Protein backbone atom coordinates (compact mmCIF):
# COMPACT_ATOMS: atom_id res chain seq x y z
CA UNK A 1 203.14 189.09 124.70
CA UNK A 2 202.30 191.19 127.70
CA UNK A 3 204.74 192.88 130.04
CA UNK A 4 205.66 191.44 133.40
CA UNK A 5 203.97 192.88 136.44
CA UNK A 6 205.98 195.37 138.45
CA UNK A 7 208.32 193.97 141.04
CA UNK A 8 207.74 195.28 144.55
CA UNK A 9 210.78 193.70 146.16
CA UNK A 10 214.27 192.96 144.87
CA UNK A 11 216.66 190.24 145.93
CA UNK A 12 219.38 191.26 148.32
CA UNK A 13 223.04 190.60 147.69
CA UNK A 14 226.15 192.40 146.56
CA UNK A 15 226.25 193.72 143.02
CA UNK A 16 229.12 192.51 140.84
CA UNK A 17 231.26 194.58 138.50
CA UNK A 18 230.96 191.83 135.88
CA UNK A 19 227.56 190.22 136.36
CA UNK A 20 227.81 186.45 136.05
CA UNK A 21 226.00 184.60 133.32
CA UNK A 22 224.09 181.42 133.96
CA UNK A 23 223.72 178.29 131.89
CA UNK A 24 221.37 177.79 128.97
CA UNK A 25 218.12 176.08 129.94
CA UNK A 26 215.48 174.28 127.88
CA UNK A 27 211.98 174.67 129.32
CA UNK A 28 209.00 172.58 128.20
CA UNK A 29 205.51 173.44 129.40
CA UNK A 30 201.79 173.07 128.80
CA UNK A 31 199.95 175.73 126.78
CA UNK A 32 196.19 175.48 127.27
CA UNK A 33 193.30 177.20 125.53
CA UNK A 34 191.04 179.32 127.75
CA UNK A 35 187.97 178.22 125.77
CA UNK A 36 188.62 174.47 125.34
CA UNK A 37 189.95 172.52 128.33
CA UNK A 38 191.00 169.62 126.05
CA UNK A 39 193.08 171.88 123.81
CA UNK A 40 196.45 171.59 125.54
CA UNK A 41 199.79 171.47 123.70
CA UNK A 42 203.41 171.06 124.77
CA UNK A 43 205.72 173.92 123.81
CA UNK A 44 209.38 174.65 124.57
CA UNK A 45 211.73 177.58 124.93
CA UNK A 46 215.46 178.08 125.21
CA UNK A 47 216.47 180.52 127.95
CA UNK A 48 220.00 181.66 127.22
CA UNK A 49 222.75 182.22 129.77
CA UNK A 50 222.06 185.97 129.97
CA UNK A 51 218.34 185.52 130.58
CA UNK A 52 217.22 186.27 127.03
CA UNK A 53 215.30 183.84 124.84
CA UNK A 54 217.04 181.75 122.19
CA UNK A 55 216.02 179.86 119.05
CA UNK A 56 213.17 181.99 117.65
CA UNK A 57 212.82 184.55 120.43
CA UNK A 58 209.38 185.61 119.22
CA UNK A 59 207.78 182.19 118.86
CA UNK A 60 207.95 179.12 121.11
CA UNK A 61 208.94 175.75 119.71
CA UNK A 62 205.91 173.52 119.15
CA UNK A 63 206.83 170.07 120.53
CA UNK A 64 203.38 168.49 120.53
CA UNK A 65 200.25 170.12 119.07
CA UNK A 66 198.01 167.41 117.65
CA UNK A 67 194.21 167.39 117.74
CA UNK A 68 194.58 165.42 120.99
CA UNK A 69 195.60 166.65 124.48
CA UNK A 70 199.30 166.88 125.37
CA UNK A 71 200.21 167.28 129.06
CA UNK A 72 202.81 166.69 131.81
CA UNK A 73 206.13 167.21 129.97
CA UNK A 74 209.31 165.77 131.46
CA UNK A 75 212.62 167.08 130.08
CA UNK A 76 215.98 165.26 130.02
CA UNK A 77 219.25 166.70 128.70
CA UNK A 78 220.77 164.77 125.79
CA UNK A 79 224.37 165.72 126.65
CA UNK A 80 224.82 167.58 123.36
CA UNK A 81 223.01 170.86 124.04
CA UNK A 82 219.55 169.52 123.31
CA UNK A 83 216.91 167.64 125.25
CA UNK A 84 214.35 164.86 125.16
CA UNK A 85 210.76 165.80 126.01
CA UNK A 86 208.45 163.02 127.19
CA UNK A 87 204.77 163.79 127.68
CA UNK A 88 201.26 162.37 128.00
CA UNK A 89 198.99 162.23 124.96
CA UNK A 90 195.27 161.73 125.62
CA UNK A 91 193.15 160.85 122.59
CA UNK A 92 190.15 163.14 122.19
CA UNK A 93 188.69 161.50 119.10
CA UNK A 94 188.83 158.29 117.07
CA UNK A 95 188.85 154.65 118.18
CA UNK A 96 191.23 155.35 121.08
CA UNK A 97 189.23 158.23 122.57
CA UNK A 98 189.98 158.55 126.29
CA UNK A 99 193.16 156.48 126.14
CA UNK A 100 196.40 158.04 127.42
CA UNK A 101 199.83 157.13 126.01
CA UNK A 102 203.37 158.41 126.49
CA UNK A 103 205.20 159.91 123.53
CA UNK A 104 208.49 161.80 123.11
CA UNK A 105 210.41 164.17 120.87
CA UNK A 106 214.09 165.07 120.67
CA UNK A 107 215.02 168.75 120.48
CA UNK A 108 218.43 169.50 118.98
CA UNK A 109 220.69 172.23 120.34
CA UNK A 110 219.50 174.56 117.56
CA UNK A 111 215.82 174.05 118.37
CA UNK A 112 215.16 171.53 115.59
CA UNK A 113 212.86 168.57 116.25
CA UNK A 114 214.95 165.53 115.36
CA UNK A 115 212.63 162.52 115.48
CA UNK A 116 210.36 161.65 112.54
CA UNK A 117 211.35 164.80 110.74
CA UNK A 118 209.73 166.84 113.49
CA UNK A 119 206.31 165.94 112.10
CA UNK A 120 205.22 163.78 115.00
CA UNK A 121 206.62 162.28 118.21
CA UNK A 122 207.71 158.71 118.72
CA UNK A 123 205.48 156.42 120.78
CA UNK A 124 207.03 155.14 124.02
CA UNK A 125 204.12 153.44 125.78
CA UNK A 126 200.90 152.69 123.90
CA UNK A 127 199.12 149.80 125.57
CA UNK A 128 195.37 149.50 126.00
CA UNK A 129 195.79 150.88 129.52
CA UNK A 130 196.58 154.46 130.50
CA UNK A 131 200.23 155.48 130.81
CA UNK A 132 200.89 158.63 132.83
CA UNK A 133 203.19 160.56 135.20
CA UNK A 134 206.48 160.21 133.28
CA UNK A 135 209.77 160.78 135.13
CA UNK A 136 213.11 160.36 133.40
CA UNK A 137 216.89 160.68 133.85
CA UNK A 138 219.85 160.40 131.46
CA UNK A 139 221.17 156.85 130.98
CA UNK A 140 224.80 157.97 130.66
CA UNK A 141 225.00 156.85 127.03
CA UNK A 142 223.12 159.61 125.21
CA UNK A 143 219.62 158.31 125.92
CA UNK A 144 217.32 158.24 128.94
CA UNK A 145 215.60 155.93 131.41
CA UNK A 146 211.88 156.49 131.91
CA UNK A 147 209.54 155.31 134.66
CA UNK A 148 205.78 155.82 134.63
CA UNK A 149 202.43 154.65 135.94
CA UNK A 150 200.28 152.19 133.98
CA UNK A 151 196.58 151.83 134.81
CA UNK A 152 194.51 148.92 133.46
CA UNK A 153 190.79 148.76 132.83
CA UNK A 154 190.09 147.71 136.45
CA UNK A 155 191.83 150.77 137.93
CA UNK A 156 194.89 148.85 139.12
CA UNK A 157 198.08 150.90 138.74
CA UNK A 158 201.59 149.51 138.23
CA UNK A 159 205.02 151.07 137.69
CA UNK A 160 206.79 150.28 134.42
CA UNK A 161 210.06 151.52 132.92
CA UNK A 162 211.79 151.90 129.58
CA UNK A 163 215.25 152.81 128.34
CA UNK A 164 215.42 154.79 125.10
CA UNK A 165 218.51 155.55 123.03
CA UNK A 166 219.34 158.79 121.22
CA UNK A 167 217.58 157.56 118.07
CA UNK A 168 214.34 157.01 119.95
CA UNK A 169 214.55 153.22 119.99
CA UNK A 170 213.24 151.43 123.11
CA UNK A 171 215.90 149.10 124.55
CA UNK A 172 213.95 147.34 127.28
CA UNK A 173 211.39 145.13 125.61
CA UNK A 174 210.33 141.57 126.44
CA UNK A 175 207.52 140.13 124.33
CA UNK A 176 206.76 143.70 123.18
CA UNK A 177 206.37 144.82 126.82
CA UNK A 178 208.52 147.34 128.75
CA UNK A 179 210.41 146.53 131.95
CA UNK A 180 208.09 145.67 134.84
CA UNK A 181 209.13 147.45 138.03
CA UNK A 182 206.17 146.54 140.22
CA UNK A 183 202.95 144.77 139.21
CA UNK A 184 201.46 143.53 142.48
CA UNK A 185 197.71 143.41 143.32
CA UNK A 186 198.18 146.75 145.08
CA UNK A 187 198.47 150.14 143.41
CA UNK A 188 202.00 151.33 142.61
CA UNK A 189 202.44 155.02 141.85
CA UNK A 190 204.62 158.15 142.18
CA UNK A 191 207.89 156.74 140.76
CA UNK A 192 211.27 158.36 141.38
CA UNK A 193 214.25 157.36 139.20
CA UNK A 194 217.87 157.27 140.41
CA UNK A 195 220.62 156.24 137.93
CA UNK A 196 222.83 153.45 139.26
CA UNK A 197 225.89 154.71 137.37
CA UNK A 198 226.13 151.54 135.30
CA UNK A 199 223.38 152.01 132.73
CA UNK A 200 220.57 150.82 134.99
CA UNK A 201 218.45 152.57 137.59
CA UNK A 202 216.79 152.32 140.96
CA UNK A 203 213.07 153.04 140.88
CA UNK A 204 211.51 154.19 144.18
CA UNK A 205 207.72 154.35 144.38
CA UNK A 206 204.64 154.27 146.64
CA UNK A 207 202.70 151.01 147.07
CA UNK A 208 199.08 151.27 148.22
CA UNK A 209 197.24 148.24 149.59
CA UNK A 210 193.55 147.47 149.30
CA UNK A 211 192.98 148.94 152.77
CA UNK A 212 194.55 152.27 151.76
CA UNK A 213 197.81 151.85 153.68
CA UNK A 214 200.94 152.91 151.84
CA UNK A 215 204.60 151.87 151.84
CA UNK A 216 207.68 153.14 150.04
CA UNK A 217 209.21 150.42 147.86
CA UNK A 218 212.17 150.15 145.47
CA UNK A 219 213.52 147.94 142.70
CA UNK A 220 216.71 148.06 140.68
CA UNK A 221 216.74 147.48 136.94
CA UNK A 222 219.92 146.23 135.29
CA UNK A 223 221.28 147.90 132.13
CA UNK A 224 219.21 145.44 130.07
CA UNK A 225 216.03 146.17 132.01
CA UNK A 226 215.84 143.12 134.27
CA UNK A 227 214.66 143.55 137.90
CA UNK A 228 217.65 142.68 140.08
CA UNK A 229 216.25 142.31 143.59
CA UNK A 230 214.31 139.46 145.18
CA UNK A 231 214.63 137.31 142.08
CA UNK A 232 212.69 139.94 140.17
CA UNK A 233 209.49 138.73 141.80
CA UNK A 234 208.92 141.68 144.13
CA UNK A 235 210.30 145.05 145.12
CA UNK A 236 212.06 145.78 148.41
CA UNK A 237 210.14 147.52 151.20
CA UNK A 238 212.25 150.58 152.01
CA UNK A 239 210.20 151.86 154.92
CA UNK A 240 209.09 148.77 156.87
CA UNK A 241 206.92 150.49 159.49
CA UNK A 242 203.31 150.18 160.63
CA UNK A 243 202.52 153.72 159.48
CA UNK A 244 201.74 155.22 156.09
CA UNK A 245 204.86 156.07 154.09
CA UNK A 246 204.57 158.36 151.07
CA UNK A 247 206.07 161.27 149.08
CA UNK A 248 209.48 159.66 148.44
CA UNK A 249 212.51 161.54 147.20
CA UNK A 250 215.81 159.80 146.44
CA UNK A 251 219.40 160.47 145.39
CA UNK A 252 222.34 158.30 144.40
CA UNK A 253 224.70 157.20 147.17
CA UNK A 254 227.60 157.12 144.69
CA UNK A 255 227.99 153.35 145.04
CA UNK A 256 225.13 152.04 142.91
CA UNK A 257 222.54 152.40 145.66
CA UNK A 258 220.29 155.20 146.83
CA UNK A 259 219.43 157.38 149.80
CA UNK A 260 215.67 157.76 150.24
CA UNK A 261 213.65 160.25 152.30
CA UNK A 262 209.88 160.12 152.75
CA UNK A 263 206.94 161.09 154.94
CA UNK A 264 205.77 158.75 157.71
CA UNK A 265 202.28 159.19 159.13
CA UNK A 266 201.66 157.42 162.43
CA UNK A 267 198.39 155.48 162.38
CA UNK A 268 198.23 154.41 166.00
CA UNK A 269 199.66 155.01 169.46
CA UNK A 270 200.46 158.28 171.20
CA UNK A 271 201.73 159.87 167.97
CA UNK A 272 198.67 158.98 165.88
CA UNK A 273 198.18 161.59 163.14
CA UNK A 274 201.71 162.96 163.44
CA UNK A 275 203.85 163.12 160.29
CA UNK A 276 207.66 162.94 160.38
CA UNK A 277 210.39 162.75 157.75
CA UNK A 278 212.25 159.44 157.67
CA UNK A 279 215.15 158.09 155.64
CA UNK A 280 216.86 154.88 154.58
CA UNK A 281 219.82 153.85 152.49
CA UNK A 282 219.51 150.90 150.14
CA UNK A 283 222.58 149.28 148.62
CA UNK A 284 223.14 148.30 145.00
CA UNK A 285 222.13 144.74 145.85
CA UNK A 286 218.94 145.78 147.65
CA UNK A 287 220.06 145.62 151.28
CA UNK A 288 218.70 148.21 153.74
CA UNK A 289 221.76 149.63 155.48
CA UNK A 290 220.50 151.84 158.29
CA UNK A 291 219.42 150.37 161.64
CA UNK A 292 220.13 146.87 160.44
CA UNK A 293 217.33 147.26 157.91
CA UNK A 294 214.75 146.88 160.66
CA UNK A 295 213.52 150.46 160.56
CA UNK A 296 214.27 153.73 158.79
CA UNK A 297 216.15 156.59 160.42
CA UNK A 298 214.26 159.54 161.87
CA UNK A 299 215.38 162.66 160.00
CA UNK A 300 212.93 165.18 161.48
CA UNK A 301 210.43 164.77 164.31
CA UNK A 302 209.60 168.14 165.84
CA UNK A 303 206.37 169.02 167.66
CA UNK A 304 204.47 169.49 164.45
CA UNK A 305 203.99 168.12 160.95
CA UNK A 306 207.05 167.53 158.77
CA UNK A 307 206.25 166.89 155.11
CA UNK A 308 207.18 167.27 151.42
CA UNK A 309 210.86 166.29 151.65
CA UNK A 310 213.22 167.27 148.83
CA UNK A 311 216.69 165.69 148.80
CA UNK A 312 220.03 166.20 147.07
CA UNK A 313 223.41 164.54 147.46
CA UNK A 314 225.91 166.25 149.76
CA UNK A 315 228.80 165.17 147.54
CA UNK A 316 230.23 162.91 150.23
CA UNK A 317 227.93 159.90 150.09
CA UNK A 318 225.20 161.44 152.23
CA UNK A 319 222.23 163.68 151.49
CA UNK A 320 220.67 166.99 152.47
CA UNK A 321 216.91 166.99 152.94
CA UNK A 322 214.70 170.10 153.07
CA UNK A 323 211.06 169.90 154.13
CA UNK A 324 208.03 171.82 155.35
CA UNK A 325 207.41 172.14 159.10
CA UNK A 326 204.02 173.14 160.49
CA UNK A 327 203.69 173.58 164.28
CA UNK A 328 200.41 172.31 165.70
CA UNK A 329 200.39 174.25 168.95
CA UNK A 330 201.78 177.37 170.59
CA UNK A 331 202.22 180.87 169.22
CA UNK A 332 203.24 179.64 165.78
CA UNK A 333 200.50 177.05 165.24
CA UNK A 334 199.42 177.11 161.60
CA UNK A 335 202.65 178.69 160.41
CA UNK A 336 204.71 176.80 157.81
CA UNK A 337 208.50 177.05 157.66
CA UNK A 338 211.26 175.33 155.70
CA UNK A 339 213.84 173.29 157.63
CA UNK A 340 216.71 171.10 156.47
CA UNK A 341 219.06 168.42 157.76
CA UNK A 342 222.22 166.76 156.48
CA UNK A 343 222.52 162.99 156.81
CA UNK A 344 225.78 161.03 156.66
CA UNK A 345 226.20 157.85 154.58
CA UNK A 346 225.73 155.95 157.85
CA UNK A 347 222.44 157.70 158.64
CA UNK A 348 223.73 160.13 161.29
CA UNK A 349 222.24 163.62 161.49
CA UNK A 350 225.11 166.07 161.09
CA UNK A 351 223.67 169.53 161.71
CA UNK A 352 223.24 170.86 165.26
CA UNK A 353 224.51 167.55 166.65
CA UNK A 354 221.41 165.89 165.28
CA UNK A 355 219.23 167.54 167.92
CA UNK A 356 217.47 169.92 165.55
CA UNK A 357 217.30 170.77 161.89
CA UNK A 358 218.65 173.92 160.27
CA UNK A 359 215.99 176.63 160.01
CA UNK A 360 216.11 177.69 156.36
CA UNK A 361 213.09 179.98 156.06
CA UNK A 362 210.94 181.26 158.96
CA UNK A 363 209.57 184.59 157.80
CA UNK A 364 206.14 185.90 158.86
CA UNK A 365 204.40 183.95 156.15
CA UNK A 366 203.85 180.46 154.80
CA UNK A 367 206.91 178.87 153.20
CA UNK A 368 206.03 175.84 151.12
CA UNK A 369 207.08 173.45 148.33
CA UNK A 370 210.85 173.35 148.95
CA UNK A 371 213.15 172.49 146.06
CA UNK A 372 216.80 171.64 146.70
CA UNK A 373 219.85 172.12 144.51
CA UNK A 374 223.21 170.59 145.41
CA UNK A 375 226.02 173.17 145.33
CA UNK A 376 229.78 172.52 145.31
CA UNK A 377 231.48 171.76 148.61
CA UNK A 378 228.53 170.09 150.31
CA UNK A 379 226.38 173.23 150.26
CA UNK A 380 222.76 173.39 149.15
CA UNK A 381 220.37 176.00 147.80
CA UNK A 382 216.77 175.74 148.96
CA UNK A 383 214.06 177.44 146.90
CA UNK A 384 210.45 177.70 148.10
CA UNK A 385 207.15 179.54 147.80
CA UNK A 386 206.46 182.30 150.33
CA UNK A 387 202.89 183.47 150.95
CA UNK A 388 202.36 186.72 152.83
CA UNK A 389 199.80 186.39 155.64
CA UNK A 390 199.54 190.01 156.76
CA UNK A 391 199.96 193.58 155.60
CA UNK A 392 199.51 195.14 152.19
CA UNK A 393 200.80 192.02 150.43
CA UNK A 394 198.56 189.51 152.24
CA UNK A 395 197.75 186.62 149.93
CA UNK A 396 200.60 187.34 147.54
CA UNK A 397 202.96 184.43 146.79
CA UNK A 398 206.62 184.90 145.82
CA UNK A 399 209.64 182.65 145.28
CA UNK A 400 212.42 182.92 147.85
CA UNK A 401 215.71 181.12 148.35
CA UNK A 402 218.53 180.53 150.78
CA UNK A 403 222.00 179.08 150.51
CA UNK A 404 223.04 176.69 153.28
CA UNK A 405 226.66 175.87 154.03
CA UNK A 406 227.99 172.36 154.52
CA UNK A 407 227.80 172.97 158.28
CA UNK A 408 224.16 174.08 158.21
CA UNK A 409 224.79 177.81 158.42
CA UNK A 410 222.66 180.18 156.34
CA UNK A 411 224.82 182.19 153.94
CA UNK A 412 222.57 184.72 152.19
CA UNK A 413 221.67 188.01 153.87
CA UNK A 414 223.74 187.14 156.93
CA UNK A 415 221.39 184.24 157.59
CA UNK A 416 218.69 186.65 158.77
CA UNK A 417 216.29 186.18 155.89
CA UNK A 418 215.90 184.52 152.52
CA UNK A 419 216.62 186.24 149.22
CA UNK A 420 213.67 187.29 147.10
CA UNK A 421 214.15 185.44 143.81
CA UNK A 422 210.90 186.40 142.11
CA UNK A 423 208.68 188.96 143.81
CA UNK A 424 206.13 190.49 141.45
CA UNK A 425 202.52 191.28 142.23
CA UNK A 426 201.52 188.08 140.44
CA UNK A 427 201.31 184.76 142.31
CA UNK A 428 204.53 182.83 141.72
CA UNK A 429 204.07 179.09 142.23
CA UNK A 430 205.67 175.68 141.69
CA UNK A 431 209.39 176.50 141.45
CA UNK A 432 211.65 174.16 139.48
CA UNK A 433 215.22 174.66 140.71
CA UNK A 434 218.32 173.77 138.69
CA UNK A 435 222.09 173.99 139.14
CA UNK A 436 224.07 175.52 136.32
CA UNK A 437 227.67 174.68 135.48
CA UNK A 438 229.22 177.31 137.76
CA UNK A 439 227.32 176.94 141.01
CA UNK A 440 224.48 179.31 140.25
CA UNK A 441 220.80 178.47 140.70
CA UNK A 442 218.20 178.81 137.97
CA UNK A 443 214.52 178.80 138.91
CA UNK A 444 211.63 178.25 136.50
CA UNK A 445 208.12 178.87 137.79
CA UNK A 446 204.46 179.40 136.94
CA UNK A 447 203.14 182.92 137.55
CA UNK A 448 199.40 183.56 137.92
CA UNK A 449 197.71 186.91 137.46
CA UNK A 450 196.11 187.96 140.76
CA UNK A 451 193.93 190.87 139.67
CA UNK A 452 193.19 193.35 136.95
CA UNK A 453 193.53 192.75 133.22
CA UNK A 454 195.53 189.54 133.63
CA UNK A 455 193.63 187.98 136.53
CA UNK A 456 193.71 184.18 136.17
CA UNK A 457 196.31 184.24 133.41
CA UNK A 458 199.19 181.78 133.76
CA UNK A 459 202.69 182.39 132.39
CA UNK A 460 206.13 180.80 132.70
CA UNK A 461 208.95 182.86 134.18
CA UNK A 462 212.60 182.16 135.01
CA UNK A 463 215.33 183.76 137.10
CA UNK A 464 218.93 183.09 138.06
CA UNK A 465 220.60 183.54 141.45
CA UNK A 466 224.35 184.06 141.69
CA UNK A 467 226.48 182.66 144.49
CA UNK A 468 225.76 185.65 146.74
CA UNK A 469 222.00 185.57 146.15
CA UNK A 470 221.97 188.48 143.72
CA UNK A 471 220.03 188.28 140.45
CA UNK A 472 222.13 188.86 137.32
CA UNK A 473 219.27 188.76 134.82
CA UNK A 474 217.41 191.97 133.91
CA UNK A 475 219.52 193.94 136.42
CA UNK A 476 217.70 192.10 139.20
CA UNK A 477 214.53 194.07 138.47
CA UNK A 478 212.35 191.20 137.26
CA UNK A 479 212.27 187.62 136.14
CA UNK A 480 212.52 186.67 132.48
CA UNK A 481 209.19 185.99 130.82
CA UNK A 482 209.64 182.59 129.17
CA UNK A 483 206.05 182.26 127.95
CA UNK A 484 203.41 184.99 128.20
CA UNK A 485 200.83 184.64 125.44
CA UNK A 486 197.06 184.70 125.74
CA UNK A 487 197.15 180.94 126.39
CA UNK A 488 197.49 179.46 129.88
CA UNK A 489 201.14 178.43 130.17
CA UNK A 490 201.84 176.15 133.15
CA UNK A 491 203.45 172.99 134.56
CA UNK A 492 207.02 173.63 133.40
CA UNK A 493 209.82 171.09 133.30
CA UNK A 494 213.34 172.34 132.71
CA UNK A 495 216.92 171.16 132.30
CA UNK A 496 220.32 172.82 132.03
CA UNK A 497 221.88 172.03 128.66
CA UNK A 498 225.23 173.88 128.81
């Protein structure tokens, strides 16, 4: 285990006489060999509330380490201090060579593997096609609901789903097949799962036609896995425009439906090539509620490109959406900032009278990949990458954050700048942001060696931000090194467990 690189910048914020502790977090990640690209395993760590490592602090927990390739872990809390880990398994030898399945393991609160004596995972999806891109949420009864992509031998891709109980038993099976979310002649991909609060779920996804155009679609599955909308024969078109809709994000509306945000690229007319962020609310029975269902609501449409929306509930039936904004002209052309807007349950824009979004991060650098965390009282924390463009740190990438009040006001550092959440000389990328039980924000990220002895190395780090933006772990001096061996550790998924 090597030491973390020196931090050149600390987060701002008041120090506390009794530093707060954060929640425990289970992190699953890929660990890849430098010599063999196919030698990738899934490992896990417990990060304790004080930022130290739990279970066996010296050795990570081996979740999946067969002779095959394990990738893309998705972690779901089990409600009892442990977690389910779902991941891809690609066969590298034998009669199934090249096939990709989805498998899972259950980690107990003490770090014990619970399924099949810990010797092997359970199989969730093992057809002759390729199953990939798992996303999952708790089902409210101790298990989880999983959605994923299934690709057949012709290259067609569909979205399927499965509900699994705490014992690892699949509950949605018809003729030995999982629940079918969308199986049209087009390609369905990029699923997002939203629990409906009744044991079922809404699955939002991208549909791609033969001509390459894309729409955002949705279907609801009942607690027994039956598609509920349109007689189960087709999904509902959430976007309903002539442009390309993609990159959906969705949250529960608290009434069995969902609020959806997505990118819209204009394909014709005076705005051809422009990209805006749009939104729509879909009810529990599949009715589009905004604008009479005829068109989505415009959430952000500045004189530039709006993209990569990330949404959370505002706690009052609406949502808060953060996104990237890139001006195309003027003094700031080529810059990338993070903006945000709050949307009411009726689709009204609430910040700045709907005339402009809240400016979350506009430093002299490139802010990208926003992640949102819903805070109590309708507030939100927005975490993002920040790349320096000029000066001694040009090319460096750090993780920054800002807390936004329910009225759209920036709360950290007097609203003048973001807080530095992880600012070492390594390149910090791909933040995964979580809310702990007391309103603090935990961030798990991949850190890449930029130069010197560790150039090209990849590790997993984590940090915690208190309510004032200060960092209680390691005296605020550095992030916690979750995984830092000679392997390439990357692509983390994480969940708060208590």
